[in-house]
Amino acid sequence: MLAKQRFVLDTTAFTDNQLRAMIGDGDLHKAVDKLLDLIARSRIRLNISCHMPPVTYKEFTDYMNRYSCPEDILVKAETWIVKKTPNRYDTQIPSQVFFEYVRDIRERMNKGMRISEAAIWEAAVEAMVMASKGVKKSKIEMEVIGGAIKDFRKKYRGALRKGTLDSAPDLDVLLLAKELGAGVVAADEGIQVWAERLGLRFLDALSFPKMLEEYLKYYE
């Protein structure tokens, strides 16, 4: 039997828009179904297993259900994706990685605070100028406050969430991969950054099906 390979999949390993275009002709259900077929064939013929923490699997199935996923695809996912909760107590993470994560979050919080302060000042000044010109309150709220909130949310999300771990499913993916000595598959910059810092093998969502197809081509 071939040596076993394990991969832990994030939700984005299935739902990435570029993946959808590449293997599903833009259709989410078709892309997920095709990837699950590759996972099934790789499990049987190549001894490759694909895992998801339960919290990540629920995130994935909830996403699929929002888009009216056919039952047969969900059955296929339930059959071929191995669900396992990571051992959060015994899995060892280097203290340096933990230190770097705390420092990263602190820097992001400070950046978020600066963005908040700038947004308040800009909106306040613009509102006062418009008010001094006799502009109605309702128009100021719509044009200044509404626009400021929209711009603030975009910048704030970029500062605090892009390139870092910002959810329990993300963290569980890395912990399970660390526990199993598995590779990580995702289309998430934060997961990639911290997977590499933990010394884990990382494959982006577009590379993973190509790799499976390449393996299968030589076996079949």
Protein backbone atom coordinates (compact mmCIF):
# COMPACT_ATOMS: atom_id res chain seq x y z
CA MET A 1 0.00 0.00 0.00
CA LEU A 2 1.16 3.52 -0.77
CA ALA A 3 2.37 5.67 2.11
CA LYS A 4 -0.51 7.59 3.61
CA GLN A 5 -0.85 11.30 2.95
CA ARG A 6 -3.22 13.52 4.93
CA PHE A 7 -4.62 16.96 4.18
CA VAL A 8 -6.77 19.24 6.29
CA LEU A 9 -9.16 21.36 4.25
CA ASP A 10 -10.50 24.80 5.04
CA THR A 11 -13.93 25.80 3.71
CA THR A 12 -12.21 27.94 1.08
CA ALA A 13 -10.62 24.80 -0.38
CA PHE A 14 -14.09 24.19 -1.87
CA THR A 15 -15.64 27.64 -2.18
CA ASP A 16 -12.87 29.78 -3.70
CA ASN A 17 -14.18 31.71 -6.72
CA GLN A 18 -11.11 30.99 -8.83
CA LEU A 19 -11.45 27.27 -8.11
CA ARG A 20 -15.11 27.46 -9.09
CA ALA A 21 -14.13 28.97 -12.43
CA MET A 22 -11.28 26.51 -13.01
CA ILE A 23 -13.01 23.18 -12.40
CA GLY A 24 -16.71 24.06 -12.27
CA ASP A 25 -17.17 26.45 -15.20
CA GLY A 26 -18.25 29.03 -12.63
CA ASP A 27 -20.79 26.74 -10.96
CA LEU A 28 -20.27 26.14 -7.21
CA HIS A 29 -22.04 22.78 -7.07
CA LYS A 30 -20.19 21.43 -10.08
CA ALA A 31 -16.82 22.52 -8.68
CA VAL A 32 -17.46 20.96 -5.23
CA ASP A 33 -18.77 17.75 -6.80
CA LYS A 34 -15.70 17.42 -9.03
CA LEU A 35 -13.30 18.05 -6.14
CA LEU A 36 -15.09 15.47 -3.99
CA ASP A 37 -14.76 12.95 -6.82
CA LEU A 38 -11.01 13.59 -6.90
CA ILE A 39 -10.84 13.19 -3.11
CA ALA A 40 -12.76 9.90 -3.28
CA ARG A 41 -10.59 8.43 -6.04
CA SER A 42 -7.43 9.57 -4.26
CA ARG A 43 -8.59 7.96 -1.01
CA ILE A 44 -9.24 4.59 -2.65
CA ARG A 45 -6.28 4.46 -5.02
CA LEU A 46 -3.60 6.62 -3.43
CA ASN A 47 -4.29 6.32 0.30
CA ILE A 48 -4.80 10.08 0.56
CA SER A 49 -7.27 11.19 3.24
CA CYS A 50 -8.87 14.61 3.57
CA HIS A 51 -9.94 15.90 6.95
CA MET A 52 -11.95 18.76 8.39
CA PRO A 53 -12.52 19.80 12.00
CA PRO A 54 -16.26 19.55 12.83
CA VAL A 55 -16.59 23.32 13.25
CA THR A 56 -15.04 23.85 9.80
CA TYR A 57 -17.18 21.11 8.24
CA LYS A 58 -20.31 22.78 9.63
CA GLU A 59 -19.17 26.10 8.18
CA PHE A 60 -18.72 24.36 4.81
CA THR A 61 -22.11 22.59 4.83
CA ASP A 62 -23.92 25.71 6.05
CA TYR A 63 -22.39 27.61 3.15
CA MET A 64 -23.44 24.93 0.67
CA ASN A 65 -26.97 24.80 2.05
CA ARG A 66 -27.33 28.56 1.59
CA TYR A 67 -26.82 27.88 -2.12
CA SER A 68 -29.32 24.99 -2.24
CA CYS A 69 -26.71 22.27 -2.58
CA PRO A 70 -28.09 18.98 -3.97
CA GLU A 71 -28.39 16.21 -1.38
CA ASP A 72 -26.14 13.81 -3.29
CA ILE A 73 -23.21 16.23 -3.05
CA LEU A 74 -23.68 16.61 0.70
CA VAL A 75 -23.81 12.80 1.06
CA LYS A 76 -20.58 12.56 -0.91
CA ALA A 77 -18.95 15.14 1.37
CA GLU A 78 -20.14 13.28 4.47
CA THR A 79 -18.71 10.04 3.08
CA TRP A 80 -15.25 11.16 1.95
CA ILE A 81 -14.29 13.97 4.30
CA VAL A 82 -12.99 12.75 7.65
CA LYS A 83 -14.31 14.83 10.55
CA LYS A 84 -12.00 15.08 13.55
CA THR A 85 -11.74 17.53 16.43
CA PRO A 86 -8.12 18.59 17.04
CA ASN A 87 -6.55 17.78 20.39
CA ARG A 88 -6.37 21.34 21.68
CA TYR A 89 -4.77 20.31 24.97
CA ASP A 90 -1.86 18.17 23.81
CA THR A 91 -0.98 19.67 20.43
CA GLN A 92 2.19 21.68 20.98
CA ILE A 93 2.68 25.10 19.41
CA PRO A 94 6.09 26.82 19.68
CA SER A 95 5.95 29.75 22.09
CA GLN A 96 7.64 31.94 19.45
CA VAL A 97 4.66 31.44 17.13
CA PHE A 98 2.26 32.38 19.93
CA PHE A 99 4.38 35.47 20.66
CA GLU A 100 4.32 36.49 17.00
CA TYR A 101 0.55 36.03 16.82
CA VAL A 102 -0.08 38.23 19.88
CA ARG A 103 2.27 40.90 18.50
CA ASP A 104 0.54 40.75 15.11
CA ILE A 105 -2.90 41.18 16.69
CA ARG A 106 -1.68 44.07 18.84
CA GLU A 107 -0.29 45.86 15.78
CA ARG A 108 -3.56 45.30 13.92
CA MET A 109 -5.57 46.68 16.85
CA ASN A 110 -3.44 49.81 16.89
CA LYS A 111 -3.84 50.21 13.14
CA GLY A 112 -7.60 49.73 13.50
CA MET A 113 -7.71 52.45 16.17
CA ARG A 114 -5.86 54.87 13.88
CA ILE A 115 -8.29 54.10 11.06
CA SER A 116 -11.22 54.73 13.43
CA GLU A 117 -9.81 58.07 14.56
CA ALA A 118 -9.16 59.21 10.97
CA ALA A 119 -12.69 58.21 9.90
CA ILE A 120 -14.26 60.16 12.79
CA TRP A 121 -12.22 63.30 12.06
CA GLU A 122 -12.93 63.22 8.32
CA ALA A 123 -16.67 62.65 8.78
CA ALA A 124 -16.94 65.30 11.50
CA VAL A 125 -15.14 67.98 9.47
CA GLU A 126 -17.12 67.25 6.32
CA ALA A 127 -20.41 67.26 8.24
CA MET A 128 -19.61 70.59 9.91
CA VAL A 129 -18.73 72.18 6.57
CA MET A 130 -21.97 71.00 5.00
CA ALA A 131 -23.99 72.08 8.04
CA SER A 132 -22.45 75.56 7.89
CA LYS A 133 -23.71 75.81 4.31
CA GLY A 134 -27.24 74.98 5.38
CA VAL A 135 -27.33 71.41 4.08
CA LYS A 136 -30.17 69.40 5.60
CA LYS A 137 -29.38 66.89 8.34
CA SER A 138 -30.87 63.97 6.38
CA LYS A 139 -28.60 64.70 3.41
CA ILE A 140 -25.53 64.98 5.64
CA GLU A 141 -26.36 61.62 7.25
CA MET A 142 -26.84 59.95 3.87
CA GLU A 143 -23.84 61.40 2.05
CA VAL A 144 -21.29 61.86 4.83
CA ILE A 145 -22.09 59.44 7.63
CA GLY A 146 -23.21 56.57 5.37
CA GLY A 147 -20.19 56.94 3.11
CA ALA A 148 -17.81 57.23 6.05
CA ILE A 149 -19.15 54.03 7.65
CA LYS A 150 -18.83 52.09 4.39
CA ASP A 151 -15.26 53.27 3.83
CA PHE A 152 -14.35 52.64 7.47
CA ARG A 153 -15.64 49.06 7.40
CA LYS A 154 -13.60 48.25 4.31
CA LYS A 155 -10.38 49.67 5.74
CA TYR A 156 -10.99 48.19 9.19
CA ARG A 157 -11.59 44.68 7.84
CA GLY A 158 -8.42 44.95 5.78
CA ALA A 159 -6.40 46.05 8.78
CA LEU A 160 -7.68 43.53 11.30
CA ARG A 161 -8.61 40.44 9.28
CA LYS A 162 -6.53 40.18 6.11
CA GLY A 163 -3.52 37.90 6.50
CA THR A 164 -4.27 36.61 9.99
CA LEU A 165 -6.40 34.05 11.81
CA ASP A 166 -9.77 35.54 12.66
CA SER A 167 -12.05 32.58 13.40
CA ALA A 168 -12.25 29.32 15.34
CA PRO A 169 -12.52 27.22 12.13
CA ASP A 170 -9.25 28.73 10.85
CA LEU A 171 -7.43 27.88 14.06
CA ASP A 172 -8.87 24.36 14.22
CA VAL A 173 -7.63 23.67 10.68
CA LEU A 174 -4.07 24.49 11.72
CA LEU A 175 -4.26 22.61 15.02
CA LEU A 176 -5.58 19.47 13.33
CA ALA A 177 -2.93 19.66 10.61
CA LYS A 178 -0.25 20.05 13.27
CA GLU A 179 -1.61 17.07 15.19
CA LEU A 180 -1.84 14.81 12.13
CA GLY A 181 1.34 16.00 10.42
CA ALA A 182 -0.90 16.89 7.50
CA GLY A 183 -0.82 19.44 4.73
CA VAL A 184 -3.20 22.41 4.77
CA VAL A 185 -5.42 23.32 1.82
CA ALA A 186 -7.05 26.76 1.69
CA ALA A 187 -7.56 29.94 -0.28
CA ASP A 188 -7.05 32.10 2.78
CA GLU A 189 -4.01 34.32 3.20
CA GLY A 190 -4.16 34.20 6.99
CA ILE A 191 -4.19 30.41 7.08
CA GLN A 192 -1.29 30.30 4.63
CA VAL A 193 0.82 32.74 6.67
CA TRP A 194 0.37 30.88 9.94
CA ALA A 195 0.60 27.41 8.38
CA GLU A 196 4.01 28.34 7.04
CA ARG A 197 5.07 29.79 10.40
CA LEU A 198 4.10 26.49 12.01
CA GLY A 199 6.20 24.60 9.46
CA LEU A 200 3.17 22.96 7.82
CA ARG A 201 2.88 22.03 4.18
CA PHE A 202 0.48 24.42 2.44
CA LEU A 203 -1.37 24.07 -0.85
CA ASP A 204 -3.65 26.77 -2.20
CA ALA A 205 -7.14 25.82 -3.37
CA LEU A 206 -6.17 25.94 -7.06
CA SER A 207 -3.10 23.72 -6.68
CA PHE A 208 -4.79 20.94 -4.71
CA PRO A 209 -7.04 19.45 -7.44
CA LYS A 210 -4.20 19.76 -9.95
CA MET A 211 -1.96 17.79 -7.62
CA LEU A 212 -4.56 15.05 -7.14
CA GLU A 213 -5.12 14.81 -10.89
CA GLU A 214 -1.38 14.53 -11.47
CA TYR A 215 -1.05 11.75 -8.90
CA LEU A 216 -4.02 9.88 -10.34
CA LYS A 217 -2.77 10.23 -13.91
CA TYR A 218 0.32 8.15 -13.13
CA TYR A 219 -1.53 5.63 -11.00
CA GLU A 220 -4.40 5.03 -13.40
